[in-house]
């Protein structure tokens, strides 16, 4: 899971979806102008990590932050609150 958000583009996409809510892949691509195959790869990586969920509607796929993604991501961090004290 941490490897999925270690990439700056994937982390930015995740933050964008968290701030803006569900978005069509065409809208994500408008904000992050990268090649379609590269965008598909990054979204697939986030989906396989359980951080985003998707729904196909017609010819477009809509993405959103997956339920519980923030909690799972936080739980995967090697440090817990107070562990540095």
C-alpha atoms as a PDB file:
ATOM      1  CA  UNK A   1       0.000   0.000   0.000  1.00  0.00           C
ATOM      2  CA  UNK A   2       2.799   2.402   0.858  1.00  0.00           C
ATOM      3  CA  UNK A   3       4.486   1.658  -2.461  1.00  0.00           C
ATOM      4  CA  UNK A   4       1.286   2.722  -4.223  1.00  0.00           C
ATOM      5  CA  UNK A   5       1.365   6.200  -2.670  1.00  0.00           C
ATOM      6  CA  UNK A   6       5.152   6.547  -2.844  1.00  0.00           C
ATOM      7  CA  UNK A   7       4.858   7.692  -6.454  1.00  0.00           C
ATOM      8  CA  UNK A   8       4.267  11.484  -6.547  1.00  0.00           C
ATOM      9  CA  UNK A   9       1.661  11.265  -9.326  1.00  0.00           C
ATOM     10  CA  UNK A  10      -0.348   8.550  -7.575  1.00  0.00           C
ATOM     11  CA  UNK A  11      -0.213  10.453  -4.293  1.00  0.00           C
ATOM     12  CA  UNK A  12      -1.422  13.594  -6.098  1.00  0.00           C
ATOM     13  CA  UNK A  13      -4.272  11.698  -7.760  1.00  0.00           C
ATOM     14  CA  UNK A  14      -5.328  10.266  -4.399  1.00  0.00           C
ATOM     15  CA  UNK A  15      -5.269  13.721  -2.786  1.00  0.00           C
ATOM     16  CA  UNK A  16      -7.250  15.152  -5.718  1.00  0.00           C
ATOM     17  CA  UNK A  17      -9.936  12.493  -5.395  1.00  0.00           C
ATOM     18  CA  UNK A  18     -10.044  13.054  -1.639  1.00  0.00           C
ATOM     19  CA  UNK A  19     -10.586  16.774  -2.107  1.00  0.00           C
ATOM     20  CA  UNK A  20     -12.875  16.723  -5.136  1.00  0.00           C
ATOM     21  CA  UNK A  21     -14.796  13.489  -4.640  1.00  0.00           C
ATOM     22  CA  UNK A  22     -15.696  11.069  -7.401  1.00  0.00           C
ATOM     23  CA  UNK A  23     -14.281  12.022 -10.780  1.00  0.00           C
ATOM     24  CA  UNK A  24     -14.438  10.704 -14.315  1.00  0.00           C
ATOM     25  CA  UNK A  25     -11.088   9.536 -15.645  1.00  0.00           C
ATOM     26  CA  UNK A  26     -11.386  12.268 -18.288  1.00  0.00           C
ATOM     27  CA  UNK A  27     -11.521  14.905 -15.534  1.00  0.00           C
ATOM     28  CA  UNK A  28      -8.558  13.350 -13.718  1.00  0.00           C
ATOM     29  CA  UNK A  29      -6.611  13.380 -16.955  1.00  0.00           C
ATOM     30  CA  UNK A  30      -7.444  17.067 -17.464  1.00  0.00           C
ATOM     31  CA  UNK A  31      -5.816  17.892 -14.111  1.00  0.00           C
ATOM     32  CA  UNK A  32      -2.876  15.513 -14.578  1.00  0.00           C
ATOM     33  CA  UNK A  33      -2.032  15.627 -18.293  1.00  0.00           C
ATOM     34  CA  UNK A  34      -0.147  12.362 -18.753  1.00  0.00           C
ATOM     35  CA  UNK A  35      -0.443   9.743 -21.469  1.00  0.00           C
ATOM     36  CA  UNK A  36      -3.586   7.632 -21.233  1.00  0.00           C
ATOM     37  CA  UNK A  37      -1.676   4.386 -20.754  1.00  0.00           C
ATOM     38  CA  UNK A  38       0.344   5.924 -17.922  1.00  0.00           C
ATOM     39  CA  UNK A  39      -2.803   7.239 -16.228  1.00  0.00           C
ATOM     40  CA  UNK A  40      -4.447   3.819 -16.540  1.00  0.00           C
ATOM     41  CA  UNK A  41      -1.402   2.169 -14.960  1.00  0.00           C
ATOM     42  CA  UNK A  42      -1.384   4.559 -11.986  1.00  0.00           C
ATOM     43  CA  UNK A  43      -5.126   4.264 -11.385  1.00  0.00           C
ATOM     44  CA  UNK A  44      -4.870   0.457 -11.607  1.00  0.00           C
ATOM     45  CA  UNK A  45      -2.065   0.506  -9.029  1.00  0.00           C
ATOM     46  CA  UNK A  46      -4.174   2.622  -6.651  1.00  0.00           C
ATOM     47  CA  UNK A  47      -7.193   0.359  -7.220  1.00  0.00           C
ATOM     48  CA  UNK A  48      -5.203  -2.832  -6.595  1.00  0.00           C
ATOM     49  CA  UNK A  49      -3.846  -1.304  -3.367  1.00  0.00           C
ATOM     50  CA  UNK A  50      -7.439  -0.763  -2.232  1.00  0.00           C
ATOM     51  CA  UNK A  51      -7.080   3.010  -2.127  1.00  0.00           C
ATOM     52  CA  UNK A  52      -9.505   3.897  -4.914  1.00  0.00           C
ATOM     53  CA  UNK A  53     -12.696   2.306  -6.183  1.00  0.00           C
ATOM     54  CA  UNK A  54     -14.102   2.611  -9.684  1.00  0.00           C
ATOM     55  CA  UNK A  55     -17.377   2.284 -11.563  1.00  0.00           C
ATOM     56  CA  UNK A  56     -17.760   2.070 -15.320  1.00  0.00           C
ATOM     57  CA  UNK A  57     -20.487   4.302 -16.724  1.00  0.00           C
ATOM     58  CA  UNK A  58     -20.880   4.059 -20.454  1.00  0.00           C
ATOM     59  CA  UNK A  59     -17.486   4.620 -21.973  1.00  0.00           C
ATOM     60  CA  UNK A  60     -16.006   6.347 -18.924  1.00  0.00           C
ATOM     61  CA  UNK A  61     -14.728   5.050 -15.621  1.00  0.00           C
ATOM     62  CA  UNK A  62     -15.364   7.096 -12.480  1.00  0.00           C
ATOM     63  CA  UNK A  63     -12.925   6.909  -9.579  1.00  0.00           C
ATOM     64  CA  UNK A  64     -13.288   7.770  -5.899  1.00  0.00           C
ATOM     65  CA  UNK A  65     -11.317   7.195  -2.721  1.00  0.00           C
ATOM     66  CA  UNK A  66     -12.266   3.737  -1.458  1.00  0.00           C
ATOM     67  CA  UNK A  67     -14.201   3.410   1.785  1.00  0.00           C
ATOM     68  CA  UNK A  68     -11.779   3.088   4.686  1.00  0.00           C
ATOM     69  CA  UNK A  69      -8.736   3.889   2.538  1.00  0.00           C
ATOM     70  CA  UNK A  70      -7.411   6.548   4.922  1.00  0.00           C
ATOM     71  CA  UNK A  71      -7.670   4.218   7.897  1.00  0.00           C
ATOM     72  CA  UNK A  72      -5.964   1.334   6.058  1.00  0.00           C
ATOM     73  CA  UNK A  73      -3.211   3.648   4.856  1.00  0.00           C
ATOM     74  CA  UNK A  74      -2.651   5.018   8.345  1.00  0.00           C
ATOM     75  CA  UNK A  75      -2.593   1.497   9.791  1.00  0.00           C
ATOM     76  CA  UNK A  76       0.076   0.476   7.266  1.00  0.00           C
ATOM     77  CA  UNK A  77       2.491   3.148   8.489  1.00  0.00           C
ATOM     78  CA  UNK A  78       5.341   1.685  10.500  1.00  0.00           C
ATOM     79  CA  UNK A  79       5.064   4.387  13.178  1.00  0.00           C
ATOM     80  CA  UNK A  80       2.114   4.802  15.455  1.00  0.00           C
ATOM     81  CA  UNK A  81       1.264   7.859  17.508  1.00  0.00           C
ATOM     82  CA  UNK A  82       3.610   8.239  20.419  1.00  0.00           C
ATOM     83  CA  UNK A  83       6.165   5.748  19.126  1.00  0.00           C
ATOM     84  CA  UNK A  84       8.798   8.448  18.698  1.00  0.00           C
ATOM     85  CA  UNK A  85       8.608   9.565  22.354  1.00  0.00           C
END
